[in-house]
Amino acid sequence: MNSEIKITDPELKEMFEHALYFHGHLCPAMPIGLRAGNLARKKLGVARSQDKELMLLSETSSGHAMACFLDGVMVATGCTYGKGNCKKLNYGKLAFTLIDKINNKQVRVSVKADFIINALQNSPFIAERKKGTPPQEVDRELAVAAVNKVLSIPDEDLFIISDVTECQLKKVSGTFEAHLCKGCGEAVYAKWLRIKNGELYCITCSGYDD
C-alpha cells in the first residue's frame, strides 16, 4: 500500500497509512499536518492523547486551501472532536497550539509563510485544484509528487515552532445525565436541554437560538 510514497520511518509510515484512510484522499496538506502534529508532541515530550490529556486549538477554517492540514494534526496528536479536545478557532491559518493539560505546558506550530505563498500555491497539484478538480481526481503522479515533496522538506524549512510555555486551562466537567426531549423524543444531555412551558426540549425543538 502507498508504495510510491517515500517514507522511511516505520512509525511515520504506519501513521500516514492510518491518516490517509481517515482523511480519504491523497494530498499534501494532510501529511504536513501529520508532521506538524508529531513535531508538537515531541517538543512537549508527550504521547498521543488517549483521552483528554492534550488539547488542540487549530487556527484553520473551512473553505480555504490546505484545510486538510487539520486531519493530519488530529491523527498525530490524538486530539479529536469526538473526545472534545479539538477546537477550531477559524483564523484561516495553517497553525495550531497543542496543550499538555497534565503538565500545563503548550507549544504553537505554524507552516512557514514562504512555503504557503510560494512553493505550495505554485505547485502542479494546487494548479489542478484551482481549476476545480476534486483532490481525489487529480492525477495520482501529481499527488504523489506533492506528498513526497512535503515529506522530504526539513522541519526547519517548513515550520515555525515556539518555545514551550506555561498555560492553565479551565477545567470543564462532562455530563452523564440525559433526558428525553418533549418534542422529538430523542435523548439530550442535560447541558443542552432547554425549558419551554415547563417542559424539557432539545435546542432544535425549543426554537431557541442556543
Protein backbone atom coordinates (compact mmCIF):
# COMPACT_ATOMS: atom_id res chain seq x y z
CA MET A 1 0.00 0.00 0.00
CA ASN A 2 1.25 3.50 -0.87
CA SER A 3 4.48 2.03 -2.29
CA GLU A 4 5.02 5.25 -4.25
CA ILE A 5 5.08 7.35 -1.12
CA LYS A 6 8.63 7.69 0.17
CA ILE A 7 8.53 7.24 3.94
CA THR A 8 11.49 5.51 5.54
CA ASP A 9 10.48 5.90 9.19
CA PRO A 10 8.27 2.87 10.10
CA GLU A 11 6.27 4.75 12.73
CA LEU A 12 5.52 7.67 10.40
CA LYS A 13 4.66 5.28 7.57
CA GLU A 14 2.11 3.43 9.71
CA MET A 15 0.66 6.70 10.96
CA PHE A 16 0.46 8.05 7.39
CA GLU A 17 -1.48 4.98 6.22
CA HIS A 18 -3.98 5.36 9.06
CA ALA A 19 -4.27 9.09 8.35
CA LEU A 20 -4.81 8.51 4.63
CA TYR A 21 -7.62 6.05 5.35
CA PHE A 22 -9.17 8.52 7.79
CA HIS A 23 -8.75 11.52 5.50
CA GLY A 24 -9.98 9.86 2.32
CA HIS A 25 -7.71 11.25 -0.42
CA LEU A 26 -4.05 11.84 -1.21
CA CYS A 27 -2.96 15.46 -0.89
CA PRO A 28 0.00 17.43 0.52
CA ALA A 29 -1.89 19.21 3.31
CA MET A 30 -2.72 16.16 5.42
CA PRO A 31 0.89 14.91 5.69
CA ILE A 32 2.06 18.45 6.52
CA GLY A 33 -0.39 18.38 9.41
CA LEU A 34 0.80 14.90 10.37
CA ARG A 35 4.39 16.11 10.54
CA ALA A 36 3.42 19.27 12.42
CA GLY A 37 1.43 17.31 14.99
CA ASN A 38 4.31 14.90 15.59
CA LEU A 39 6.71 17.83 15.92
CA ALA A 40 4.50 19.48 18.54
CA ARG A 41 4.17 16.26 20.55
CA LYS A 42 7.94 15.70 20.55
CA LYS A 43 8.53 19.30 21.62
CA LEU A 44 6.17 18.79 24.57
CA GLY A 45 7.53 15.29 25.23
CA VAL A 46 4.08 13.67 25.22
CA ALA A 47 2.39 10.65 23.64
CA ARG A 48 -0.79 10.78 21.55
CA SER A 49 -3.83 11.72 23.58
CA GLN A 50 -5.80 8.65 24.65
CA ASP A 51 -8.50 10.69 26.35
CA LYS A 52 -8.21 14.39 27.20
CA GLU A 53 -4.56 14.62 28.23
CA LEU A 54 -3.93 17.02 25.35
CA MET A 55 -5.94 19.89 23.88
CA LEU A 56 -5.65 21.08 20.28
CA LEU A 57 -6.52 24.65 19.29
CA SER A 58 -6.47 24.70 15.50
CA GLU A 59 -6.28 28.02 13.68
CA THR A 60 -7.63 26.54 10.44
CA SER A 61 -11.02 27.40 8.99
CA SER A 62 -13.37 25.78 6.48
CA GLY A 63 -13.36 26.70 2.80
CA HIS A 64 -9.71 27.57 2.30
CA ALA A 65 -6.86 25.71 0.61
CA MET A 66 -4.93 23.16 2.68
CA ALA A 67 -7.62 22.89 5.39
CA CYS A 68 -6.91 19.13 5.18
CA PHE A 69 -3.91 20.03 7.37
CA LEU A 70 -6.12 19.60 10.44
CA ASP A 71 -6.86 15.92 9.77
CA GLY A 72 -3.14 15.17 9.85
CA VAL A 73 -2.71 17.10 13.09
CA MET A 74 -5.59 15.22 14.71
CA VAL A 75 -4.17 11.82 13.77
CA ALA A 76 -0.70 12.74 15.02
CA THR A 77 -1.88 14.20 18.33
CA GLY A 78 -4.88 12.01 19.12
CA CYS A 79 -6.98 15.15 19.64
CA THR A 80 -10.43 14.74 18.08
CA TYR A 81 -13.85 16.34 18.03
CA GLY A 82 -15.38 13.18 19.49
CA LYS A 83 -13.17 13.33 22.57
CA GLY A 84 -13.84 17.04 22.86
CA ASN A 85 -10.17 18.01 22.88
CA CYS A 86 -10.02 19.64 19.44
CA LYS A 87 -11.31 23.16 18.80
CA LYS A 88 -11.25 25.07 15.52
CA LEU A 89 -10.57 28.79 16.00
CA ASN A 90 -11.33 29.75 12.37
CA TYR A 91 -8.39 32.13 11.89
CA GLY A 92 -7.68 30.96 8.32
CA LYS A 93 -4.11 29.90 9.17
CA LEU A 94 -2.13 26.68 8.92
CA ALA A 95 -1.21 26.75 12.58
CA PHE A 96 -2.24 25.31 15.92
CA THR A 97 -1.42 25.25 19.61
CA LEU A 98 -1.03 21.90 21.36
CA ILE A 99 -1.59 21.93 25.11
CA ASP A 100 -0.37 19.36 27.62
CA LYS A 101 -3.15 19.55 30.21
CA ILE A 102 -1.35 17.27 32.66
CA ASN A 103 1.76 19.44 32.96
CA ASN A 104 0.18 22.77 31.96
CA LYS A 105 2.51 23.31 29.00
CA GLN A 106 1.81 24.47 25.45
CA VAL A 107 3.55 24.88 22.10
CA ARG A 108 2.46 26.57 18.85
CA VAL A 109 3.39 25.32 15.38
CA SER A 110 2.75 27.17 12.12
CA VAL A 111 3.62 26.46 8.48
CA LYS A 112 6.11 29.00 7.15
CA ALA A 113 4.54 31.76 5.06
CA ASP A 114 7.13 31.48 2.29
CA PHE A 115 6.24 27.83 1.77
CA ILE A 116 2.49 28.54 1.63
CA ILE A 117 2.68 31.60 -0.62
CA ASN A 118 5.41 30.43 -3.00
CA ALA A 119 6.20 26.71 -3.07
CA LEU A 120 2.74 25.43 -2.21
CA GLN A 121 0.49 27.77 -4.18
CA ASN A 122 2.62 27.35 -7.29
CA SER A 123 2.72 23.56 -7.21
CA PRO A 124 1.19 21.49 -10.06
CA PHE A 125 -1.16 19.81 -7.57
CA ILE A 126 -2.58 23.13 -6.39
CA ALA A 127 -2.80 24.32 -10.00
CA GLU A 128 -5.18 21.44 -10.69
CA ARG A 129 -7.17 22.19 -7.57
CA LYS A 130 -7.53 25.83 -8.64
CA LYS A 131 -9.16 24.58 -11.85
CA GLY A 132 -11.84 22.97 -9.71
CA THR A 133 -10.53 19.40 -9.91
CA PRO A 134 -11.51 17.46 -6.75
CA PRO A 135 -8.40 16.26 -4.86
CA GLN A 136 -9.24 12.59 -5.43
CA GLU A 137 -9.39 13.22 -9.19
CA VAL A 138 -6.02 14.96 -9.52
CA ASP A 139 -3.58 12.81 -11.48
CA ARG A 140 -2.03 10.41 -9.00
CA GLU A 141 1.51 11.18 -10.14
CA LEU A 142 0.98 14.86 -9.29
CA ALA A 143 -0.47 13.96 -5.88
CA VAL A 144 2.35 11.54 -5.07
CA ALA A 145 4.97 14.09 -6.13
CA ALA A 146 3.35 16.76 -3.94
CA VAL A 147 3.22 14.43 -0.93
CA ASN A 148 6.80 13.25 -1.36
CA LYS A 149 7.95 16.86 -1.59
CA VAL A 150 6.34 17.89 1.71
CA LEU A 151 7.63 14.72 3.38
CA SER A 152 11.20 15.48 2.31
CA ILE A 153 11.48 19.13 3.42
CA PRO A 154 13.43 19.58 6.68
CA ASP A 155 11.37 20.70 9.68
CA GLU A 156 13.23 23.99 9.92
CA ASP A 157 12.32 24.89 6.33
CA LEU A 158 8.66 24.02 6.73
CA PHE A 159 7.61 25.01 10.25
CA ILE A 160 7.94 27.68 12.88
CA ILE A 161 7.73 26.14 16.34
CA SER A 162 7.52 28.21 19.50
CA ASP A 163 9.21 27.60 22.80
CA VAL A 164 7.25 25.54 25.31
CA THR A 165 5.40 27.90 27.66
CA GLU A 166 3.23 27.60 30.74
CA CYS A 167 -0.55 27.57 30.39
CA GLN A 168 -3.60 26.89 32.53
CA LEU A 169 -6.85 25.63 31.06
CA LYS A 170 -10.12 25.97 32.92
CA LYS A 171 -11.41 22.50 33.77
CA VAL A 172 -14.85 21.72 32.35
CA SER A 173 -16.78 18.75 33.69
CA GLY A 174 -18.63 16.43 31.34
CA THR A 175 -22.12 15.13 31.99
CA PHE A 176 -23.62 11.64 32.01
CA GLU A 177 -27.18 12.86 32.63
CA ALA A 178 -29.64 12.74 29.72
CA HIS A 179 -33.41 13.28 29.38
CA LEU A 180 -36.00 12.90 26.64
CA CYS A 181 -36.98 15.93 24.58
CA LYS A 182 -40.72 16.61 24.81
CA GLY A 183 -40.80 17.47 21.12
CA CYS A 184 -38.82 14.85 19.20
CA GLY A 185 -38.46 12.20 21.89
CA GLU A 186 -34.69 11.96 21.42
CA ALA A 187 -32.24 11.77 24.32
CA VAL A 188 -30.45 15.03 25.08
CA TYR A 189 -27.61 15.52 27.53
CA ALA A 190 -28.52 17.87 30.37
CA LYS A 191 -26.36 20.87 29.49
CA TRP A 192 -28.13 21.19 26.12
CA LEU A 193 -31.72 20.90 27.34
CA ARG A 194 -33.97 23.96 27.29
CA ILE A 195 -37.12 24.60 29.34
CA LYS A 196 -40.20 25.73 27.43
CA ASN A 197 -43.66 25.92 29.06
CA GLY A 198 -42.30 23.89 31.95
CA GLU A 199 -41.15 21.01 29.71
CA LEU A 200 -37.69 19.88 28.60
CA TYR A 201 -36.81 20.34 24.92
CA CYS A 202 -33.70 19.97 22.79
CA ILE A 203 -32.33 23.17 21.26
CA THR A 204 -33.93 22.42 17.87
CA CYS A 205 -37.42 21.76 19.22
CA SER A 206 -37.29 24.61 21.73
CA GLY A 207 -37.00 27.21 18.99
CA TYR A 208 -34.23 28.95 20.93
CA ASP A 209 -31.07 30.04 19.16
CA ASP A 210 -28.75 28.18 21.54
